[in-house]
Amino acid sequence: MPIIEVRHVAGALDRTQKAAIAAKLTEVMIQMEGGANTEGGRAFATVLFTPTAAEDWWVGGATDDTYVAAPGRFIVNVWIPEGYMNIVHKNQVHAWVAGAITVAMGTREPGRSILTVINEVIEGDWGNAGHPISLESIAGTVGQAQDGPRLTWSRDYFKAKARAMAAAGYPADTGGLLPSLTPAGDPARKVAGQ
């Protein structure tokens, strides 16, 4: 369930450029979901454009393009579920986002002015239709196998997190763990004891 927000200088992108960037970033999100080019995968793929006035965007102490490289000023925020990506996946996302904007803008090299920030949303903090949704349910909606390598890695991550939380004495209802690892009562102890 990635969400991508593209911050750009107001007036720097026309409708055609936005459509090209949105199309490329949608493909990035499908890649991020392990190739989940499904109705559920596309329904979760959200791209937002947020314009910022040029006078409010300072780079190197200036509002002009002295320190800005082609294709221009971009800050791309990518929201992903916690524990969904290892470092290799995150590095791919950085490269894919820069590549998508570079291609959509018709430039040859991703300039140093395309900044990407990956934000992990704690398990239990995603919601849809007024209800929390888990990483496992998101994976099911987009068509990923529950026993596939991506969710296996995620479960290992959350088992380690549960052990660390238990060792640190976190309250059992703190949250932040996969529902499949959270029995009624004390989620950390069940996983820590495995």
N, C-alpha and C. Protein backbone atom coordinates (compact mmCIF):
# COMPACT_ATOMS: atom_id res chain seq x y z
N MET A 1 0.83 -1.19 0.00
CA MET A 1 0.00 0.00 0.00
C MET A 1 0.87 1.24 0.00
N PRO A 2 1.74 1.38 -0.97
CA PRO A 2 2.55 2.59 -0.97
C PRO A 2 1.72 3.81 -1.39
N ILE A 3 2.12 4.94 -0.86
CA ILE A 3 1.59 6.23 -1.28
C ILE A 3 2.80 7.07 -1.63
N ILE A 4 2.76 7.75 -2.76
CA ILE A 4 3.87 8.60 -3.16
C ILE A 4 3.36 10.03 -3.33
N GLU A 5 4.04 10.96 -2.65
CA GLU A 5 3.74 12.38 -2.79
C GLU A 5 4.92 13.03 -3.49
N VAL A 6 4.63 13.76 -4.54
CA VAL A 6 5.66 14.46 -5.30
C VAL A 6 5.52 15.95 -5.02
N ARG A 7 6.48 16.50 -4.29
CA ARG A 7 6.53 17.94 -4.07
C ARG A 7 7.33 18.55 -5.21
N HIS A 8 6.81 19.61 -5.79
CA HIS A 8 7.44 20.25 -6.94
C HIS A 8 7.17 21.74 -6.89
N VAL A 9 7.93 22.48 -7.67
CA VAL A 9 7.72 23.92 -7.73
C VAL A 9 6.42 24.21 -8.47
N ALA A 10 5.58 25.03 -7.89
CA ALA A 10 4.30 25.38 -8.51
C ALA A 10 4.53 25.92 -9.91
N GLY A 11 3.77 25.39 -10.85
CA GLY A 11 3.86 25.83 -12.24
C GLY A 11 4.96 25.16 -13.04
N ALA A 12 5.79 24.36 -12.41
CA ALA A 12 6.90 23.71 -13.13
C ALA A 12 6.44 22.49 -13.93
N LEU A 13 5.31 21.91 -13.55
CA LEU A 13 4.80 20.73 -14.24
C LEU A 13 3.46 21.03 -14.89
N ASP A 14 3.33 20.64 -16.14
CA ASP A 14 2.01 20.76 -16.78
C ASP A 14 1.26 19.44 -16.61
N ARG A 15 0.04 19.41 -17.08
CA ARG A 15 -0.82 18.24 -16.91
C ARG A 15 -0.19 16.99 -17.56
N THR A 16 0.41 17.14 -18.73
CA THR A 16 1.02 16.02 -19.43
C THR A 16 2.21 15.47 -18.64
N GLN A 17 3.03 16.35 -18.09
CA GLN A 17 4.16 15.90 -17.29
C GLN A 17 3.70 15.20 -16.02
N LYS A 18 2.66 15.73 -15.37
CA LYS A 18 2.11 15.07 -14.18
C LYS A 18 1.59 13.68 -14.53
N ALA A 19 0.89 13.58 -15.65
CA ALA A 19 0.36 12.27 -16.06
C ALA A 19 1.50 11.29 -16.32
N ALA A 20 2.57 11.76 -16.95
CA ALA A 20 3.72 10.88 -17.23
C ALA A 20 4.40 10.44 -15.94
N ILE A 21 4.60 11.38 -15.01
CA ILE A 21 5.21 11.04 -13.73
C ILE A 21 4.32 10.08 -12.96
N ALA A 22 3.00 10.36 -12.91
CA ALA A 22 2.07 9.49 -12.19
C ALA A 22 2.08 8.08 -12.77
N ALA A 23 2.11 7.96 -14.09
CA ALA A 23 2.14 6.64 -14.73
C ALA A 23 3.41 5.89 -14.36
N LYS A 24 4.56 6.57 -14.43
CA LYS A 24 5.84 5.94 -14.09
C LYS A 24 5.88 5.55 -12.61
N LEU A 25 5.40 6.43 -11.73
CA LEU A 25 5.43 6.12 -10.30
C LEU A 25 4.43 5.03 -9.93
N THR A 26 3.33 4.92 -10.66
CA THR A 26 2.41 3.81 -10.43
C THR A 26 3.11 2.49 -10.75
N GLU A 27 3.88 2.48 -11.83
CA GLU A 27 4.64 1.27 -12.17
C GLU A 27 5.68 0.98 -11.09
N VAL A 28 6.29 2.02 -10.52
CA VAL A 28 7.23 1.83 -9.42
C VAL A 28 6.52 1.17 -8.24
N MET A 29 5.32 1.65 -7.91
CA MET A 29 4.59 1.08 -6.78
C MET A 29 4.23 -0.38 -7.03
N ILE A 30 3.88 -0.71 -8.26
CA ILE A 30 3.59 -2.11 -8.58
C ILE A 30 4.85 -2.95 -8.40
N GLN A 31 6.00 -2.44 -8.82
CA GLN A 31 7.26 -3.13 -8.58
C GLN A 31 7.52 -3.26 -7.08
N MET A 32 7.23 -2.21 -6.32
CA MET A 32 7.42 -2.23 -4.87
C MET A 32 6.59 -3.32 -4.23
N GLU A 33 5.42 -3.58 -4.78
CA GLU A 33 4.52 -4.60 -4.25
C GLU A 33 4.87 -5.98 -4.78
N GLY A 34 6.07 -6.13 -5.32
CA GLY A 34 6.49 -7.43 -5.82
C GLY A 34 5.86 -7.80 -7.15
N GLY A 35 5.50 -6.79 -7.93
CA GLY A 35 4.90 -7.03 -9.24
C GLY A 35 3.41 -7.26 -9.19
N ALA A 36 2.74 -6.76 -8.15
CA ALA A 36 1.31 -6.98 -7.96
C ALA A 36 0.48 -6.10 -8.89
N ASN A 37 0.53 -6.41 -10.18
CA ASN A 37 -0.26 -5.65 -11.15
C ASN A 37 -1.67 -6.22 -11.20
N THR A 38 -2.35 -6.05 -10.07
CA THR A 38 -3.71 -6.57 -9.90
C THR A 38 -4.65 -5.38 -9.65
N GLU A 39 -5.93 -5.65 -9.67
CA GLU A 39 -6.89 -4.59 -9.37
C GLU A 39 -6.64 -4.05 -7.96
N GLY A 40 -6.42 -4.95 -7.00
CA GLY A 40 -6.14 -4.52 -5.63
C GLY A 40 -4.84 -3.74 -5.53
N GLY A 41 -3.81 -4.19 -6.26
CA GLY A 41 -2.53 -3.49 -6.24
C GLY A 41 -2.64 -2.09 -6.82
N ARG A 42 -3.36 -1.96 -7.93
CA ARG A 42 -3.54 -0.64 -8.54
C ARG A 42 -4.43 0.26 -7.69
N ALA A 43 -5.41 -0.33 -7.01
CA ALA A 43 -6.30 0.48 -6.17
C ALA A 43 -5.56 1.10 -4.99
N PHE A 44 -4.47 0.50 -4.56
CA PHE A 44 -3.67 1.05 -3.47
C PHE A 44 -2.62 2.03 -3.96
N ALA A 45 -2.33 2.07 -5.24
CA ALA A 45 -1.24 2.88 -5.78
C ALA A 45 -1.69 4.34 -5.93
N THR A 46 -1.32 5.17 -4.99
CA THR A 46 -1.75 6.57 -4.96
C THR A 46 -0.57 7.50 -5.17
N VAL A 47 -0.73 8.45 -6.09
CA VAL A 47 0.28 9.48 -6.34
C VAL A 47 -0.38 10.84 -6.09
N LEU A 48 0.26 11.65 -5.27
CA LEU A 48 -0.23 12.99 -4.96
C LEU A 48 0.80 14.01 -5.42
N PHE A 49 0.35 15.09 -6.03
CA PHE A 49 1.23 16.18 -6.42
C PHE A 49 0.97 17.36 -5.49
N THR A 50 2.04 17.87 -4.89
CA THR A 50 1.93 18.99 -3.97
C THR A 50 2.82 20.13 -4.47
N PRO A 51 2.22 21.18 -5.04
CA PRO A 51 3.03 22.31 -5.51
C PRO A 51 3.47 23.19 -4.35
N THR A 52 4.67 23.72 -4.48
CA THR A 52 5.22 24.67 -3.51
C THR A 52 5.69 25.90 -4.29
N ALA A 53 5.34 27.07 -3.79
CA ALA A 53 5.75 28.31 -4.47
C ALA A 53 7.27 28.36 -4.55
N ALA A 54 7.81 28.78 -5.69
CA ALA A 54 9.26 28.87 -5.88
C ALA A 54 9.91 29.74 -4.80
N GLU A 55 9.20 30.77 -4.37
CA GLU A 55 9.75 31.66 -3.34
C GLU A 55 9.85 30.99 -1.97
N ASP A 56 9.18 29.82 -1.83
CA ASP A 56 9.22 29.08 -0.57
C ASP A 56 10.14 27.87 -0.62
N TRP A 57 10.82 27.65 -1.74
CA TRP A 57 11.69 26.48 -1.90
C TRP A 57 13.13 26.96 -2.04
N TRP A 58 13.88 26.84 -0.98
CA TRP A 58 15.25 27.33 -0.92
C TRP A 58 16.21 26.16 -1.04
N VAL A 59 17.16 26.27 -1.95
CA VAL A 59 18.22 25.28 -2.11
C VAL A 59 19.55 26.02 -2.09
N GLY A 60 20.43 25.65 -1.17
CA GLY A 60 21.72 26.32 -1.08
C GLY A 60 21.62 27.77 -0.69
N GLY A 61 20.55 28.14 -0.03
CA GLY A 61 20.37 29.53 0.39
C GLY A 61 19.77 30.43 -0.67
N ALA A 62 19.29 29.84 -1.77
CA ALA A 62 18.72 30.65 -2.86
C ALA A 62 17.42 30.03 -3.35
N THR A 63 16.58 30.87 -3.94
CA THR A 63 15.33 30.37 -4.52
C THR A 63 15.42 30.18 -6.02
N ASP A 64 16.55 30.55 -6.61
CA ASP A 64 16.71 30.31 -8.05
C ASP A 64 17.30 28.90 -8.24
N ASP A 65 17.69 28.58 -9.43
CA ASP A 65 18.18 27.23 -9.71
C ASP A 65 19.71 27.11 -9.69
N THR A 66 20.39 28.00 -8.99
CA THR A 66 21.85 27.97 -8.92
C THR A 66 22.36 26.59 -8.47
N TYR A 67 21.71 26.01 -7.48
CA TYR A 67 22.16 24.73 -6.93
C TYR A 67 21.22 23.57 -7.29
N VAL A 68 20.42 23.76 -8.31
CA VAL A 68 19.44 22.75 -8.71
C VAL A 68 19.88 22.12 -10.02
N ALA A 69 19.84 20.80 -10.07
CA ALA A 69 20.20 20.07 -11.29
C ALA A 69 18.93 19.66 -12.03
N ALA A 70 19.07 19.45 -13.34
CA ALA A 70 17.94 18.93 -14.13
C ALA A 70 17.58 17.55 -13.59
N PRO A 71 16.33 17.19 -13.55
CA PRO A 71 15.18 17.81 -14.18
C PRO A 71 14.46 18.85 -13.32
N GLY A 72 15.05 19.27 -12.20
CA GLY A 72 14.41 20.29 -11.38
C GLY A 72 14.27 19.84 -9.94
N ARG A 73 13.58 20.66 -9.17
CA ARG A 73 13.40 20.41 -7.73
C ARG A 73 12.25 19.44 -7.48
N PHE A 74 12.58 18.34 -6.85
CA PHE A 74 11.58 17.35 -6.47
C PHE A 74 11.92 16.79 -5.10
N ILE A 75 10.94 16.70 -4.24
CA ILE A 75 11.04 15.91 -3.02
C ILE A 75 9.92 14.89 -3.10
N VAL A 76 10.30 13.63 -3.04
CA VAL A 76 9.33 12.55 -3.20
C VAL A 76 9.25 11.80 -1.88
N ASN A 77 8.09 11.87 -1.24
CA ASN A 77 7.83 11.11 -0.03
C ASN A 77 7.14 9.81 -0.41
N VAL A 78 7.69 8.71 0.07
CA VAL A 78 7.12 7.39 -0.20
C VAL A 78 6.74 6.77 1.13
N TRP A 79 5.46 6.47 1.31
CA TRP A 79 4.99 5.83 2.53
C TRP A 79 4.79 4.34 2.26
N ILE A 80 5.39 3.53 3.12
CA ILE A 80 5.26 2.07 3.01
C ILE A 80 4.94 1.51 4.38
N PRO A 81 4.36 0.31 4.44
CA PRO A 81 4.15 -0.33 5.75
C PRO A 81 5.49 -0.70 6.39
N GLU A 82 5.56 -0.54 7.68
CA GLU A 82 6.75 -0.94 8.43
C GLU A 82 7.05 -2.42 8.19
N GLY A 83 8.33 -2.71 8.10
CA GLY A 83 8.76 -4.10 7.98
C GLY A 83 8.48 -4.74 6.65
N TYR A 84 8.20 -3.93 5.64
CA TYR A 84 7.83 -4.48 4.33
C TYR A 84 9.01 -4.58 3.39
N MET A 85 10.06 -3.80 3.66
CA MET A 85 11.19 -3.77 2.74
C MET A 85 12.51 -3.88 3.47
N ASN A 86 13.37 -4.71 2.94
CA ASN A 86 14.73 -4.74 3.45
C ASN A 86 15.54 -3.64 2.76
N ILE A 87 16.82 -3.55 3.09
CA ILE A 87 17.63 -2.45 2.55
C ILE A 87 17.76 -2.53 1.03
N VAL A 88 17.81 -3.74 0.48
CA VAL A 88 17.90 -3.89 -0.99
C VAL A 88 16.65 -3.31 -1.64
N HIS A 89 15.47 -3.64 -1.09
CA HIS A 89 14.21 -3.11 -1.64
C HIS A 89 14.19 -1.58 -1.57
N LYS A 90 14.62 -1.04 -0.43
CA LYS A 90 14.60 0.42 -0.28
C LYS A 90 15.55 1.09 -1.28
N ASN A 91 16.73 0.50 -1.47
CA ASN A 91 17.66 1.06 -2.45
C ASN A 91 17.07 1.02 -3.86
N GLN A 92 16.34 -0.04 -4.17
CA GLN A 92 15.67 -0.12 -5.47
C GLN A 92 14.64 1.00 -5.61
N VAL A 93 13.88 1.26 -4.55
CA VAL A 93 12.86 2.32 -4.60
C VAL A 93 13.51 3.67 -4.88
N HIS A 94 14.61 3.98 -4.21
CA HIS A 94 15.30 5.24 -4.48
C HIS A 94 15.68 5.35 -5.97
N ALA A 95 16.24 4.28 -6.51
CA ALA A 95 16.65 4.29 -7.92
C ALA A 95 15.45 4.36 -8.85
N TRP A 96 14.41 3.60 -8.56
CA TRP A 96 13.21 3.59 -9.42
C TRP A 96 12.53 4.95 -9.46
N VAL A 97 12.39 5.59 -8.29
CA VAL A 97 11.74 6.90 -8.23
C VAL A 97 12.53 7.93 -9.04
N ALA A 98 13.83 7.99 -8.81
CA ALA A 98 14.66 8.94 -9.57
C ALA A 98 14.59 8.64 -11.06
N GLY A 99 14.63 7.37 -11.43
CA GLY A 99 14.54 6.99 -12.83
C GLY A 99 13.20 7.36 -13.45
N ALA A 100 12.13 7.15 -12.70
CA ALA A 100 10.79 7.45 -13.21
C ALA A 100 10.63 8.95 -13.50
N ILE A 101 11.09 9.77 -12.58
CA ILE A 101 10.97 11.22 -12.79
C ILE A 101 11.88 11.67 -13.92
N THR A 102 13.08 11.12 -13.97
CA THR A 102 14.02 11.47 -15.03
C THR A 102 13.44 11.16 -16.40
N VAL A 103 12.90 9.96 -16.58
CA VAL A 103 12.32 9.57 -17.87
C VAL A 103 11.10 10.43 -18.18
N ALA A 104 10.22 10.62 -17.20
CA ALA A 104 8.99 11.39 -17.44
C ALA A 104 9.30 12.84 -17.81
N MET A 105 10.39 13.37 -17.27
CA MET A 105 10.75 14.77 -17.55
C MET A 105 11.64 14.90 -18.78
N GLY A 106 12.03 13.76 -19.38
CA GLY A 106 12.79 13.80 -20.62
C GLY A 106 14.25 14.19 -20.45
N THR A 107 14.81 13.94 -19.27
CA THR A 107 16.23 14.21 -19.06
C THR A 107 17.02 12.91 -19.08
N ARG A 108 18.33 13.04 -19.18
CA ARG A 108 19.17 11.85 -19.34
C ARG A 108 19.64 11.26 -18.03
N GLU A 109 19.91 12.08 -17.05
CA GLU A 109 20.46 11.63 -15.77
C GLU A 109 19.57 12.11 -14.63
N PRO A 110 19.40 11.28 -13.60
CA PRO A 110 18.66 11.78 -12.43
C PRO A 110 19.54 12.79 -11.70
N GLY A 111 19.08 14.00 -11.65
CA GLY A 111 19.87 15.06 -11.03
C GLY A 111 19.90 14.93 -9.51
N ARG A 112 20.81 15.65 -8.92
CA ARG A 112 20.95 15.61 -7.46
C ARG A 112 19.79 16.33 -6.77
N SER A 113 18.87 16.88 -7.52
CA SER A 113 17.75 17.62 -6.94
C SER A 113 16.48 16.78 -6.82
N ILE A 114 16.57 15.48 -7.11
CA ILE A 114 15.44 14.57 -6.87
C ILE A 114 15.73 13.88 -5.54
N LEU A 115 15.10 14.36 -4.49
CA LEU A 115 15.29 13.79 -3.16
C LEU A 115 14.13 12.84 -2.84
N THR A 116 14.45 11.66 -2.34
CA THR A 116 13.43 10.66 -2.00
C THR A 116 13.53 10.35 -0.52
N VAL A 117 12.39 10.33 0.17
CA VAL A 117 12.33 9.98 1.57
C VAL A 117 11.35 8.82 1.72
N ILE A 118 11.83 7.71 2.26
CA ILE A 118 10.96 6.56 2.50
C ILE A 118 10.52 6.61 3.95
N ASN A 119 9.21 6.66 4.16
CA ASN A 119 8.60 6.75 5.48
C ASN A 119 7.90 5.43 5.79
N GLU A 120 8.33 4.75 6.86
CA GLU A 120 7.67 3.50 7.24
C GLU A 120 6.56 3.81 8.24
N VAL A 121 5.36 3.34 7.94
CA VAL A 121 4.21 3.54 8.80
C VAL A 121 4.10 2.32 9.72
N ILE A 122 4.07 2.57 11.03
CA ILE A 122 4.04 1.49 12.01
C ILE A 122 2.83 0.59 11.78
N GLU A 123 3.07 -0.72 11.91
CA GLU A 123 1.99 -1.71 11.77
C GLU A 123 0.83 -1.32 12.68
N GLY A 124 -0.36 -1.29 12.11
CA GLY A 124 -1.55 -0.90 12.85
C GLY A 124 -1.95 0.54 12.61
N ASP A 125 -1.06 1.34 12.01
CA ASP A 125 -1.37 2.75 11.76
C ASP A 125 -1.92 3.01 10.37
N TRP A 126 -1.93 2.01 9.48
CA TRP A 126 -2.61 2.14 8.18
C TRP A 126 -4.10 1.92 8.42
N GLY A 127 -4.91 2.64 7.70
CA GLY A 127 -6.35 2.45 7.82
C GLY A 127 -7.03 2.61 6.48
N ASN A 128 -8.17 1.97 6.35
CA ASN A 128 -8.97 2.08 5.13
C ASN A 128 -10.43 1.90 5.53
N ALA A 129 -11.28 2.75 5.02
CA ALA A 129 -12.72 2.69 5.31
C ALA A 129 -13.01 2.72 6.81
N GLY A 130 -12.17 3.43 7.54
CA GLY A 130 -12.40 3.59 8.97
C GLY A 130 -11.89 2.45 9.84
N HIS A 131 -11.10 1.55 9.28
CA HIS A 131 -10.59 0.40 10.03
C HIS A 131 -9.09 0.24 9.79
N PRO A 132 -8.36 -0.20 10.82
CA PRO A 132 -6.94 -0.48 10.59
C PRO A 132 -6.79 -1.68 9.67
N ILE A 133 -5.76 -1.64 8.85
CA ILE A 133 -5.46 -2.78 7.99
C ILE A 133 -4.00 -3.16 8.21
N SER A 134 -3.74 -4.44 8.20
CA SER A 134 -2.39 -4.92 8.50
C SER A 134 -1.61 -5.15 7.21
N LEU A 135 -0.31 -5.27 7.38
CA LEU A 135 0.56 -5.59 6.26
C LEU A 135 0.13 -6.90 5.61
N GLU A 136 -0.27 -7.87 6.41
CA GLU A 136 -0.71 -9.16 5.86
C GLU A 136 -1.98 -9.00 5.02
N SER A 137 -2.92 -8.17 5.47
CA SER A 137 -4.14 -7.99 4.68
C SER A 137 -3.86 -7.19 3.41
N ILE A 138 -2.93 -6.23 3.49
CA ILE A 138 -2.55 -5.48 2.30
C ILE A 138 -1.95 -6.43 1.28
N ALA A 139 -1.05 -7.28 1.73
CA ALA A 139 -0.40 -8.24 0.83
C ALA A 139 -1.44 -9.15 0.18
N GLY A 140 -2.43 -9.57 0.95
CA GLY A 140 -3.50 -10.40 0.38
C GLY A 140 -4.32 -9.66 -0.65
N THR A 141 -4.61 -8.38 -0.38
CA THR A 141 -5.40 -7.57 -1.30
C THR A 141 -4.69 -7.36 -2.63
N VAL A 142 -3.36 -7.18 -2.59
CA VAL A 142 -2.63 -6.93 -3.82
C VAL A 142 -2.24 -8.23 -4.53
N GLY A 143 -2.50 -9.37 -3.89
CA GLY A 143 -2.26 -10.65 -4.55
C GLY A 143 -0.94 -11.32 -4.24
N GLN A 144 -0.29 -10.92 -3.16
CA GLN A 144 0.96 -11.58 -2.78
C GLN A 144 0.65 -12.85 -1.99
N ALA A 145 1.48 -13.86 -2.19
CA ALA A 145 1.32 -15.13 -1.47
C ALA A 145 1.64 -14.92 0.00
N GLN A 146 0.77 -15.43 0.87
CA GLN A 146 1.00 -15.29 2.31
C GLN A 146 2.24 -16.04 2.77
N ASP A 147 2.68 -17.03 2.00
CA ASP A 147 3.88 -17.77 2.37
C ASP A 147 5.06 -17.43 1.45
N GLY A 148 4.95 -16.33 0.72
CA GLY A 148 6.01 -15.91 -0.20
C GLY A 148 7.19 -15.30 0.54
N PRO A 149 8.28 -15.08 -0.18
CA PRO A 149 9.50 -14.58 0.46
C PRO A 149 9.35 -13.19 1.10
N ARG A 150 8.53 -12.33 0.51
CA ARG A 150 8.38 -10.97 1.04
C ARG A 150 7.73 -11.00 2.42
N LEU A 151 6.60 -11.73 2.54
CA LEU A 151 5.94 -11.79 3.85
C LEU A 151 6.71 -12.65 4.84
N THR A 152 7.44 -13.64 4.36
CA THR A 152 8.28 -14.43 5.26
C THR A 152 9.32 -13.52 5.91
N TRP A 153 9.97 -12.67 5.09
CA TRP A 153 10.94 -11.72 5.63
C TRP A 153 10.26 -10.78 6.62
N SER A 154 9.07 -10.27 6.26
CA SER A 154 8.34 -9.34 7.13
C SER A 154 7.99 -10.00 8.46
N ARG A 155 7.54 -11.24 8.43
CA ARG A 155 7.21 -11.93 9.67
C ARG A 155 8.46 -12.10 10.55
N ASP A 156 9.59 -12.42 9.93
CA ASP A 156 10.84 -12.53 10.69
C ASP A 156 11.19 -11.19 11.34
N TYR A 157 10.99 -10.10 10.59
CA TYR A 157 11.23 -8.77 11.13
C TYR A 157 10.36 -8.53 12.36
N PHE A 158 9.06 -8.83 12.25
CA PHE A 158 8.14 -8.57 13.35
C PHE A 158 8.37 -9.52 14.53
N LYS A 159 8.82 -10.73 14.28
CA LYS A 159 9.17 -11.63 15.39
C LYS A 159 10.34 -11.05 16.17
N ALA A 160 11.34 -10.53 15.46
CA ALA A 160 12.47 -9.90 16.14
C ALA A 160 12.02 -8.66 16.90
N LYS A 161 11.12 -7.89 16.31
CA LYS A 161 10.60 -6.69 16.98
C LYS A 161 9.85 -7.09 18.25
N ALA A 162 9.06 -8.15 18.17
CA ALA A 162 8.30 -8.60 19.34
C ALA A 162 9.24 -9.06 20.46
N ARG A 163 10.30 -9.76 20.10
CA ARG A 163 11.27 -10.20 21.11
C ARG A 163 11.92 -8.99 21.77
N ALA A 164 12.29 -7.98 20.97
CA ALA A 164 12.91 -6.78 21.53
C ALA A 164 11.93 -6.03 22.42
N MET A 165 10.67 -5.95 22.02
CA MET A 165 9.66 -5.27 22.83
C MET A 165 9.46 -6.01 24.15
N ALA A 166 9.41 -7.33 24.10
CA ALA A 166 9.23 -8.13 25.31
C ALA A 166 10.42 -7.95 26.25
N ALA A 167 11.62 -7.98 25.68
CA ALA A 167 12.82 -7.83 26.50
C ALA A 167 12.89 -6.45 27.15
N ALA A 168 12.34 -5.44 26.47
CA ALA A 168 12.36 -4.07 27.01
C ALA A 168 11.19 -3.81 27.95
N GLY A 169 10.28 -4.77 28.09
CA GLY A 169 9.16 -4.61 29.01
C GLY A 169 8.01 -3.77 28.49
N TYR A 170 7.86 -3.68 27.16
CA TYR A 170 6.73 -2.94 26.61
C TYR A 170 5.42 -3.57 27.05
N PRO A 171 4.38 -2.78 27.28
CA PRO A 171 3.07 -3.35 27.60
C PRO A 171 2.56 -4.22 26.44
N ALA A 172 1.82 -5.25 26.76
CA ALA A 172 1.34 -6.20 25.74
C ALA A 172 0.46 -5.54 24.70
N ASP A 173 -0.23 -4.47 25.05
CA ASP A 173 -1.15 -3.84 24.10
C ASP A 173 -0.53 -2.64 23.39
N THR A 174 0.80 -2.54 23.36
CA THR A 174 1.47 -1.43 22.71
C THR A 174 1.15 -1.38 21.23
N GLY A 175 1.01 -2.52 20.60
CA GLY A 175 0.72 -2.57 19.16
C GLY A 175 1.99 -2.60 18.36
N GLY A 176 1.83 -2.44 17.04
CA GLY A 176 2.97 -2.43 16.16
C GLY A 176 3.43 -3.80 15.72
N LEU A 177 2.61 -4.84 15.93
CA LEU A 177 2.95 -6.19 15.51
C LEU A 177 1.90 -6.72 14.55
N LEU A 178 2.28 -7.67 13.72
CA LEU A 178 1.32 -8.28 12.80
C LEU A 178 0.22 -9.00 13.59
N PRO A 179 -1.04 -8.91 13.14
CA PRO A 179 -2.12 -9.60 13.84
C PRO A 179 -1.88 -11.11 13.96
N SER A 180 -1.26 -11.72 12.97
CA SER A 180 -1.02 -13.17 13.05
C SER A 180 -0.04 -13.52 14.16
N LEU A 181 0.71 -12.56 14.64
CA LEU A 181 1.66 -12.78 15.72
C LEU A 181 1.14 -12.26 17.05
N THR A 182 -0.12 -11.82 17.08
CA THR A 182 -0.66 -11.15 18.24
C THR A 182 -1.87 -11.89 18.79
N PRO A 183 -1.66 -12.82 19.71
CA PRO A 183 -2.82 -13.45 20.34
C PRO A 183 -3.43 -12.50 21.36
N ALA A 184 -4.64 -12.78 21.78
CA ALA A 184 -5.26 -11.96 22.83
C ALA A 184 -4.38 -12.03 24.07
N GLY A 185 -4.20 -10.94 24.71
CA GLY A 185 -3.41 -10.92 25.94
C GLY A 185 -2.06 -10.30 25.72
N ASP A 186 -1.05 -11.08 25.45
CA ASP A 186 0.31 -10.58 25.40
C ASP A 186 0.99 -10.95 24.09
N PRO A 187 0.94 -10.07 23.09
CA PRO A 187 1.52 -10.40 21.78
C PRO A 187 3.02 -10.65 21.83
N ALA A 188 3.73 -9.92 22.64
CA ALA A 188 5.18 -10.05 22.65
C ALA A 188 5.62 -11.40 23.21
N ARG A 189 4.95 -11.87 24.25
CA ARG A 189 5.38 -13.14 24.86
C ARG A 189 5.19 -14.31 23.94
N LYS A 190 4.10 -14.33 23.17
CA LYS A 190 3.87 -15.45 22.26
C LYS A 190 5.04 -15.54 21.26
N VAL A 191 5.38 -14.41 20.65
CA VAL A 191 6.44 -14.43 19.64
C VAL A 191 7.79 -14.66 20.30
N ALA A 192 8.03 -14.00 21.43
CA ALA A 192 9.31 -14.15 22.08
C ALA A 192 9.56 -15.59 22.48
N GLY A 193 8.52 -16.31 22.80
CA GLY A 193 8.66 -17.70 23.21
C GLY A 193 8.83 -18.66 22.05
N GLN A 194 8.69 -18.19 20.81
CA GLN A 194 8.80 -19.09 19.65
C GLN A 194 10.23 -19.42 19.35
